[in-house]
Amino acid sequence: MINKKLRGLDEIKNEIEEPKYDYLEKFATMSDDDKSLLIRIPQEIRNKFNLKAGDKIRFYAKFEEEKKPELIIEVVRC
């Protein structure tokens, strides 16, 4: 005998519910001034985070053997 678990309507609605968050995906091209690589933060990202000149951004890079390097960028609020 096959034991199939029946699902209720609420359980099904929860599974197909769309995420309760919004996201932005933008791309930027780096340029070089012979001292550093420069990047311009897209306007939509700047507006969402309320970024302005003088704000700090933290770059965290993780390098593990036999794994793809990981780069995390976050806004630092003091």
Protein backbone atom coordinates (compact mmCIF):
# COMPACT_ATOMS: atom_id res chain seq x y z
CA MET A 1 0.00 0.00 0.00
CA ILE A 2 1.32 3.45 -0.91
CA ASN A 3 1.14 6.02 1.88
CA LYS A 4 0.63 9.44 0.29
CA LYS A 5 0.49 12.52 2.49
CA LEU A 6 -2.28 14.89 1.47
CA ARG A 7 -1.55 18.59 1.70
CA GLY A 8 -3.97 21.27 2.79
CA LEU A 9 -4.75 24.35 0.74
CA ASP A 10 -2.87 26.64 3.17
CA GLU A 11 0.28 24.48 2.90
CA ILE A 12 0.15 24.63 -0.90
CA LYS A 13 -0.34 28.43 -0.85
CA ASN A 14 2.71 28.81 1.41
CA GLU A 15 4.87 26.77 -0.97
CA ILE A 16 3.98 28.82 -4.05
CA GLU A 17 4.04 32.22 -2.29
CA GLU A 18 6.43 34.72 -3.86
CA PRO A 19 9.38 35.98 -1.80
CA LYS A 20 8.65 38.86 0.56
CA TYR A 21 11.67 40.87 -0.54
CA ASP A 22 12.79 42.96 -3.46
CA TYR A 23 16.17 42.80 -5.13
CA LEU A 24 18.22 44.77 -7.61
CA GLU A 25 20.85 43.42 -9.93
CA LYS A 26 23.03 45.97 -11.67
CA PHE A 27 26.41 45.76 -13.36
CA ALA A 28 29.28 48.24 -13.30
CA THR A 29 32.48 48.36 -15.33
CA MET A 30 35.76 48.97 -13.52
CA SER A 31 38.25 51.54 -14.75
CA ASP A 32 41.89 52.08 -13.77
CA ASP A 33 43.64 55.32 -12.80
CA ASP A 34 47.06 53.60 -12.47
CA LYS A 35 46.69 53.63 -8.64
CA SER A 36 43.43 51.80 -8.01
CA LEU A 37 40.55 50.17 -9.79
CA LEU A 38 37.57 52.50 -9.79
CA ILE A 39 33.91 51.54 -9.86
CA ARG A 40 30.80 53.67 -10.12
CA ILE A 41 27.87 52.50 -8.04
CA PRO A 42 24.68 52.44 -10.14
CA GLN A 43 22.13 55.15 -9.29
CA GLU A 44 19.36 52.68 -8.33
CA ILE A 45 21.65 51.01 -5.75
CA ARG A 46 22.83 54.39 -4.46
CA ASN A 47 19.25 55.55 -3.95
CA LYS A 48 18.05 52.34 -2.23
CA PHE A 49 20.94 52.47 0.27
CA ASN A 50 20.90 56.28 0.57
CA LEU A 51 24.63 56.39 -0.26
CA LYS A 52 26.55 59.63 -0.49
CA ALA A 53 30.15 60.77 -0.87
CA GLY A 54 32.20 59.87 2.19
CA ASP A 55 30.26 56.70 3.06
CA LYS A 56 32.39 53.62 3.70
CA ILE A 57 32.19 50.32 1.85
CA ARG A 58 33.83 47.15 3.19
CA PHE A 59 35.32 44.57 0.83
CA TYR A 60 35.72 41.07 2.27
CA ALA A 61 37.44 38.48 0.11
CA LYS A 62 37.60 34.79 1.03
CA PHE A 63 40.01 32.41 -0.66
CA GLU A 64 39.80 28.68 0.05
CA GLU A 65 41.69 25.88 -1.64
CA GLU A 66 39.79 24.19 -4.44
CA LYS A 67 36.86 26.60 -4.10
CA LYS A 68 35.85 29.62 -6.11
CA PRO A 69 36.96 32.90 -4.43
CA GLU A 70 34.15 34.82 -2.75
CA LEU A 71 33.80 38.62 -2.57
CA ILE A 72 31.36 40.27 -0.19
CA ILE A 73 30.72 44.02 -0.39
CA GLU A 74 28.79 45.79 2.35
CA VAL A 75 27.97 49.33 3.40
CA VAL A 76 29.47 50.28 6.76
CA ARG A 77 27.41 52.66 8.88
CA CYS A 78 29.24 54.25 11.82
